[in-house]
Protein backbone atom coordinates (compact mmCIF):
# COMPACT_ATOMS: atom_id res chain seq x y z
CA MET A 1 -14.31 138.26 158.62
CA GLU A 2 -12.40 137.65 155.40
CA GLU A 3 -9.14 138.76 157.02
CA ARG A 4 -9.61 136.16 159.76
CA LEU A 5 -10.21 133.48 157.13
CA ILE A 6 -7.02 134.44 155.29
CA THR A 7 -5.07 134.32 158.56
CA ILE A 8 -6.45 130.86 159.35
CA GLU A 9 -5.65 129.61 155.85
CA SER A 10 -2.08 130.92 156.16
CA LYS A 11 -1.60 129.21 159.49
CA LEU A 12 -3.03 125.98 158.08
CA ALA A 13 -0.63 126.11 155.13
CA LEU A 14 2.32 126.64 157.47
CA ALA A 15 1.16 123.79 159.69
CA GLU A 16 0.88 121.47 156.69
CA ASP A 17 4.42 122.38 155.59
CA LEU A 18 5.72 121.75 159.09
CA LEU A 19 3.95 118.40 159.27
CA ASP A 20 5.43 117.39 155.92
CA GLU A 21 8.94 118.29 157.08
CA LEU A 22 8.44 116.38 160.32
CA ASN A 23 7.25 113.32 158.40
CA LYS A 24 10.34 113.46 156.19
CA THR A 25 12.57 113.73 159.26
CA VAL A 26 10.91 110.77 160.95
CA PHE A 27 11.23 108.73 157.74
CA ARG A 28 14.97 109.50 157.45
CA GLN A 29 15.52 108.68 161.11
CA GLN A 30 13.72 105.35 160.72
CA GLU A 31 15.95 104.51 157.75
CA GLN A 32 19.02 105.27 159.88
CA ILE A 33 17.67 103.16 162.74
CA ASP A 34 17.05 100.25 160.37
CA LEU A 35 20.58 100.52 158.98
CA LEU A 36 22.13 100.66 162.45
CA GLN A 37 20.10 97.65 163.59
CA SER A 38 21.26 95.61 160.61
CA GLN A 39 24.87 96.59 161.31
CA ILE A 40 24.50 95.56 164.95
CA ARG A 41 23.04 92.21 163.87
CA LEU A 42 25.97 91.68 161.52
CA LEU A 43 28.50 92.55 164.22
CA TYR A 44 26.73 90.26 166.67
CA THR A 45 26.82 87.42 164.16
CA GLN A 46 30.51 88.00 163.53
CA MET A 47 31.25 88.06 167.24
CA GLN A 48 29.34 84.83 167.79
CA GLY A 49 31.18 83.20 164.90
CA SER A 50 34.60 84.32 166.05
CA GLY A 51 33.97 83.13 169.61
CA GLN A 52 33.53 79.49 168.60
CA GLY A 53 36.74 77.50 168.77
CA ALA A 54 38.80 80.50 169.79
CA GLU A 55 40.48 80.89 173.14
CA LYS A 56 39.15 83.42 175.59
CA ARG A 57 41.58 86.33 175.73
CA ASP A 58 42.21 88.60 178.65
CA PRO A 59 42.40 92.26 177.54
CA ARG A 60 45.00 92.88 180.26
CA ASP A 61 47.40 90.56 178.40
CA GLU A 62 47.25 92.80 175.35
CA ILE A 63 49.53 95.69 176.24
CA PRO A 64 49.58 98.55 173.74
CA PRO A 65 52.90 99.10 171.90
CA HIS A 66 53.69 102.36 173.67
CA TYR A 67 54.21 100.63 177.05
């Protein structure tokens, strides 16, 4: 009976460690998502600002230098 209790306690300790690591991973990923969203918002704002008063350009008119 005591051996079964020790086994259960060991498994519980491992499960708690795993849960803690998963929580840390989710937290880091959420930080990265927040950073990427703010960068996208900034780029969107810049694109909206640069589009006002500027002519529409056709990408086909911009030939790379190696042609």
